Amino acid sequence: MSLKDEIEACLQQALSPSVLDLWDESDEHKGHAGAAAGGGHFHLIIVSEAFAGQARVGRHRLVYDAVKHLMHTRIHALSIDAKTPSESL
């Protein structure tokens, strides 16, 4: 299973999103400090009812909690756009 697939599976299980769009931006970061090999840079768009009533920080915390075992080991950076189904992207 690829890292992308593993992240998506964790997010599906934890947040049951109606939209989950994750892309790997690692190639854009090769050689930068902290990620010399360029690995582990992702951008996420996620829509879930789990974010209802949550401020931006709370939404990000829910995402980070779902992938915490991968953070700072296999995921170097994760950019997040988290919305509820009633919010437009």
N, C-alpha and C. Protein backbone atom coordinates (compact mmCIF):
# COMPACT_ATOMS: atom_id res chain seq x y z
N MET A 1 0.85 -1.18 0.00
CA MET A 1 0.00 0.00 0.00
C MET A 1 0.89 1.23 0.00
N SER A 2 0.59 2.17 -0.87
CA SER A 2 1.36 3.41 -0.93
C SER A 2 1.03 4.29 0.28
N LEU A 3 1.89 5.24 0.55
CA LEU A 3 1.64 6.18 1.64
C LEU A 3 0.34 6.94 1.39
N LYS A 4 0.11 7.37 0.17
CA LYS A 4 -1.12 8.07 -0.17
C LYS A 4 -2.34 7.21 0.16
N ASP A 5 -2.30 5.94 -0.23
CA ASP A 5 -3.40 5.02 0.06
C ASP A 5 -3.59 4.84 1.57
N GLU A 6 -2.48 4.77 2.29
CA GLU A 6 -2.55 4.60 3.74
C GLU A 6 -3.18 5.82 4.41
N ILE A 7 -2.80 7.00 3.98
CA ILE A 7 -3.38 8.23 4.53
C ILE A 7 -4.88 8.27 4.24
N GLU A 8 -5.25 7.98 2.99
CA GLU A 8 -6.66 7.98 2.61
C GLU A 8 -7.47 6.98 3.43
N ALA A 9 -6.93 5.80 3.67
CA ALA A 9 -7.63 4.79 4.46
C ALA A 9 -7.84 5.26 5.89
N CYS A 10 -6.83 5.88 6.47
CA CYS A 10 -6.95 6.41 7.85
C CYS A 10 -8.03 7.48 7.93
N LEU A 11 -8.04 8.37 6.95
CA LEU A 11 -9.03 9.46 6.93
C LEU A 11 -10.43 8.92 6.69
N GLN A 12 -10.57 7.95 5.81
CA GLN A 12 -11.88 7.33 5.56
C GLN A 12 -12.42 6.71 6.84
N GLN A 13 -11.58 5.97 7.52
CA GLN A 13 -12.01 5.28 8.74
C GLN A 13 -12.38 6.26 9.85
N ALA A 14 -11.58 7.29 10.03
CA ALA A 14 -11.79 8.21 11.14
C ALA A 14 -12.88 9.25 10.89
N LEU A 15 -13.02 9.71 9.64
CA LEU A 15 -13.88 10.87 9.38
C LEU A 15 -15.01 10.63 8.39
N SER A 16 -15.07 9.47 7.76
CA SER A 16 -16.12 9.14 6.78
C SER A 16 -16.43 10.32 5.85
N PRO A 17 -15.43 10.82 5.16
CA PRO A 17 -15.65 12.01 4.32
C PRO A 17 -16.50 11.72 3.09
N SER A 18 -17.24 12.73 2.65
CA SER A 18 -17.97 12.62 1.39
C SER A 18 -17.07 13.03 0.22
N VAL A 19 -16.05 13.81 0.52
CA VAL A 19 -15.04 14.19 -0.47
C VAL A 19 -13.68 14.01 0.19
N LEU A 20 -12.79 13.34 -0.50
CA LEU A 20 -11.42 13.18 -0.02
C LEU A 20 -10.51 13.25 -1.24
N ASP A 21 -9.81 14.35 -1.38
CA ASP A 21 -8.91 14.55 -2.51
C ASP A 21 -7.53 14.83 -1.93
N LEU A 22 -6.63 13.89 -2.10
CA LEU A 22 -5.29 13.99 -1.55
C LEU A 22 -4.28 13.86 -2.67
N TRP A 23 -3.35 14.82 -2.74
CA TRP A 23 -2.32 14.67 -3.75
C TRP A 23 -0.96 14.90 -3.15
N ASP A 24 -0.02 14.20 -3.73
CA ASP A 24 1.36 14.21 -3.29
C ASP A 24 2.11 15.34 -4.00
N GLU A 25 2.62 16.28 -3.21
CA GLU A 25 3.38 17.41 -3.74
C GLU A 25 4.87 17.25 -3.46
N SER A 26 5.30 16.05 -3.14
CA SER A 26 6.68 15.81 -2.72
C SER A 26 7.71 16.23 -3.75
N ASP A 27 7.41 16.03 -5.02
CA ASP A 27 8.37 16.40 -6.07
C ASP A 27 8.71 17.88 -6.06
N GLU A 28 7.79 18.70 -5.56
CA GLU A 28 8.02 20.14 -5.52
C GLU A 28 8.94 20.55 -4.36
N HIS A 29 9.26 19.61 -3.47
CA HIS A 29 10.01 19.94 -2.26
C HIS A 29 11.32 19.17 -2.12
N LYS A 30 11.73 18.48 -3.15
CA LYS A 30 12.97 17.71 -3.06
C LYS A 30 14.14 18.60 -2.66
N GLY A 31 14.88 18.11 -1.68
CA GLY A 31 16.09 18.80 -1.26
C GLY A 31 15.90 19.87 -0.20
N HIS A 32 14.67 20.21 0.16
CA HIS A 32 14.49 21.25 1.17
C HIS A 32 14.76 20.68 2.56
N ALA A 33 15.26 21.51 3.44
CA ALA A 33 15.64 21.08 4.78
C ALA A 33 14.49 20.37 5.47
N GLY A 34 14.78 19.25 6.08
CA GLY A 34 13.76 18.48 6.79
C GLY A 34 13.13 17.42 5.92
N ALA A 35 13.31 17.52 4.63
CA ALA A 35 12.76 16.52 3.71
C ALA A 35 13.73 16.40 2.53
N ALA A 36 14.96 16.07 2.84
CA ALA A 36 16.01 16.06 1.82
C ALA A 36 15.66 15.20 0.62
N ALA A 37 14.94 14.13 0.84
CA ALA A 37 14.55 13.26 -0.27
C ALA A 37 13.30 13.78 -0.98
N GLY A 38 12.64 14.77 -0.40
CA GLY A 38 11.45 15.35 -1.01
C GLY A 38 10.17 14.62 -0.66
N GLY A 39 10.23 13.59 0.15
CA GLY A 39 9.05 12.79 0.44
C GLY A 39 8.14 13.38 1.49
N GLY A 40 6.89 12.99 1.43
CA GLY A 40 5.95 13.27 2.48
C GLY A 40 5.27 14.61 2.49
N HIS A 41 5.19 15.30 1.37
CA HIS A 41 4.46 16.57 1.28
C HIS A 41 3.13 16.32 0.57
N PHE A 42 2.02 16.57 1.28
CA PHE A 42 0.70 16.30 0.73
C PHE A 42 -0.22 17.51 0.88
N HIS A 43 -1.19 17.58 -0.02
CA HIS A 43 -2.26 18.58 0.05
C HIS A 43 -3.58 17.82 0.11
N LEU A 44 -4.45 18.21 1.02
CA LEU A 44 -5.71 17.50 1.26
C LEU A 44 -6.90 18.44 1.17
N ILE A 45 -7.89 18.02 0.43
CA ILE A 45 -9.22 18.63 0.47
C ILE A 45 -10.14 17.55 1.01
N ILE A 46 -10.83 17.86 2.10
CA ILE A 46 -11.69 16.87 2.74
C ILE A 46 -12.98 17.53 3.19
N VAL A 47 -14.09 16.83 2.96
CA VAL A 47 -15.41 17.30 3.37
C VAL A 47 -16.03 16.21 4.24
N SER A 48 -16.41 16.58 5.45
CA SER A 48 -16.96 15.60 6.38
C SER A 48 -17.93 16.25 7.36
N GLU A 49 -18.96 15.53 7.72
CA GLU A 49 -19.89 15.97 8.77
C GLU A 49 -19.17 16.08 10.11
N ALA A 50 -18.07 15.36 10.27
CA ALA A 50 -17.31 15.39 11.52
C ALA A 50 -16.79 16.78 11.85
N PHE A 51 -16.71 17.65 10.84
CA PHE A 51 -16.20 19.01 11.05
C PHE A 51 -17.28 20.00 11.50
N ALA A 52 -18.53 19.58 11.52
CA ALA A 52 -19.62 20.46 11.92
C ALA A 52 -19.38 20.98 13.34
N GLY A 53 -19.51 22.29 13.50
CA GLY A 53 -19.33 22.91 14.80
C GLY A 53 -17.88 23.09 15.22
N GLN A 54 -16.95 22.70 14.35
CA GLN A 54 -15.53 22.82 14.65
C GLN A 54 -14.94 24.04 13.95
N ALA A 55 -14.11 24.78 14.65
CA ALA A 55 -13.33 25.85 14.02
C ALA A 55 -12.20 25.21 13.21
N ARG A 56 -11.50 26.03 12.47
CA ARG A 56 -10.42 25.53 11.60
C ARG A 56 -9.40 24.68 12.38
N VAL A 57 -8.99 25.15 13.54
CA VAL A 57 -8.00 24.41 14.33
C VAL A 57 -8.55 23.05 14.75
N GLY A 58 -9.80 23.00 15.15
CA GLY A 58 -10.42 21.73 15.54
C GLY A 58 -10.50 20.75 14.38
N ARG A 59 -10.80 21.26 13.21
CA ARG A 59 -10.88 20.42 12.02
C ARG A 59 -9.51 19.84 11.69
N HIS A 60 -8.51 20.69 11.75
CA HIS A 60 -7.15 20.22 11.48
C HIS A 60 -6.72 19.19 12.52
N ARG A 61 -7.09 19.42 13.76
CA ARG A 61 -6.75 18.47 14.82
C ARG A 61 -7.37 17.09 14.53
N LEU A 62 -8.61 17.06 14.07
CA LEU A 62 -9.25 15.79 13.73
C LEU A 62 -8.49 15.07 12.62
N VAL A 63 -8.06 15.81 11.62
CA VAL A 63 -7.28 15.22 10.52
C VAL A 63 -5.95 14.70 11.06
N TYR A 64 -5.24 15.53 11.81
CA TYR A 64 -3.94 15.12 12.34
C TYR A 64 -4.08 13.91 13.27
N ASP A 65 -5.13 13.87 14.07
CA ASP A 65 -5.35 12.71 14.94
C ASP A 65 -5.51 11.43 14.13
N ALA A 66 -6.14 11.53 12.97
CA ALA A 66 -6.37 10.35 12.13
C ALA A 66 -5.08 9.80 11.52
N VAL A 67 -4.09 10.67 11.34
CA VAL A 67 -2.83 10.23 10.70
C VAL A 67 -1.62 10.44 11.61
N LYS A 68 -1.86 10.59 12.90
CA LYS A 68 -0.77 10.95 13.82
C LYS A 68 0.38 9.95 13.81
N HIS A 69 0.10 8.69 13.56
CA HIS A 69 1.18 7.70 13.54
C HIS A 69 2.09 7.86 12.32
N LEU A 70 1.68 8.66 11.35
CA LEU A 70 2.48 8.90 10.15
C LEU A 70 3.18 10.26 10.16
N MET A 71 2.71 11.15 11.03
CA MET A 71 3.27 12.50 11.06
C MET A 71 4.71 12.49 11.57
N HIS A 72 5.54 13.27 10.92
CA HIS A 72 6.95 13.46 11.26
C HIS A 72 7.79 12.20 11.06
N THR A 73 7.21 11.16 10.52
CA THR A 73 7.99 9.99 10.12
C THR A 73 7.87 9.82 8.61
N ARG A 74 6.65 9.64 8.14
CA ARG A 74 6.43 9.46 6.71
C ARG A 74 5.77 10.67 6.06
N ILE A 75 5.04 11.45 6.85
CA ILE A 75 4.45 12.70 6.35
C ILE A 75 5.28 13.84 6.92
N HIS A 76 5.88 14.62 6.03
CA HIS A 76 6.66 15.77 6.48
C HIS A 76 5.78 17.02 6.57
N ALA A 77 4.85 17.17 5.62
CA ALA A 77 3.98 18.35 5.60
C ALA A 77 2.62 17.96 5.04
N LEU A 78 1.58 18.51 5.64
CA LEU A 78 0.21 18.23 5.20
C LEU A 78 -0.57 19.53 5.20
N SER A 79 -0.93 19.98 4.01
CA SER A 79 -1.75 21.18 3.84
C SER A 79 -3.21 20.72 3.81
N ILE A 80 -4.07 21.36 4.60
CA ILE A 80 -5.44 20.87 4.77
C ILE A 80 -6.47 21.94 4.44
N ASP A 81 -7.46 21.56 3.63
CA ASP A 81 -8.65 22.37 3.38
C ASP A 81 -9.82 21.50 3.83
N ALA A 82 -10.35 21.75 5.02
CA ALA A 82 -11.39 20.92 5.63
C ALA A 82 -12.71 21.69 5.71
N LYS A 83 -13.76 21.11 5.16
CA LYS A 83 -15.07 21.74 5.11
C LYS A 83 -16.16 20.76 5.56
N THR A 84 -17.32 21.32 5.88
CA THR A 84 -18.50 20.50 6.10
C THR A 84 -19.24 20.40 4.76
N PRO A 85 -20.15 19.45 4.61
CA PRO A 85 -20.89 19.34 3.35
C PRO A 85 -21.67 20.60 2.99
N SER A 86 -22.09 21.38 3.96
CA SER A 86 -22.86 22.59 3.67
C SER A 86 -21.99 23.78 3.24
N GLU A 87 -20.70 23.64 3.37
CA GLU A 87 -19.77 24.70 2.96
C GLU A 87 -19.25 24.41 1.56
N SER A 88 -19.10 25.44 0.77
CA SER A 88 -18.57 25.22 -0.57
C SER A 88 -17.06 25.24 -0.56
N LEU A 89 -16.46 24.48 -1.44
CA LEU A 89 -15.00 24.44 -1.56
C LEU A 89 -14.51 25.46 -2.53
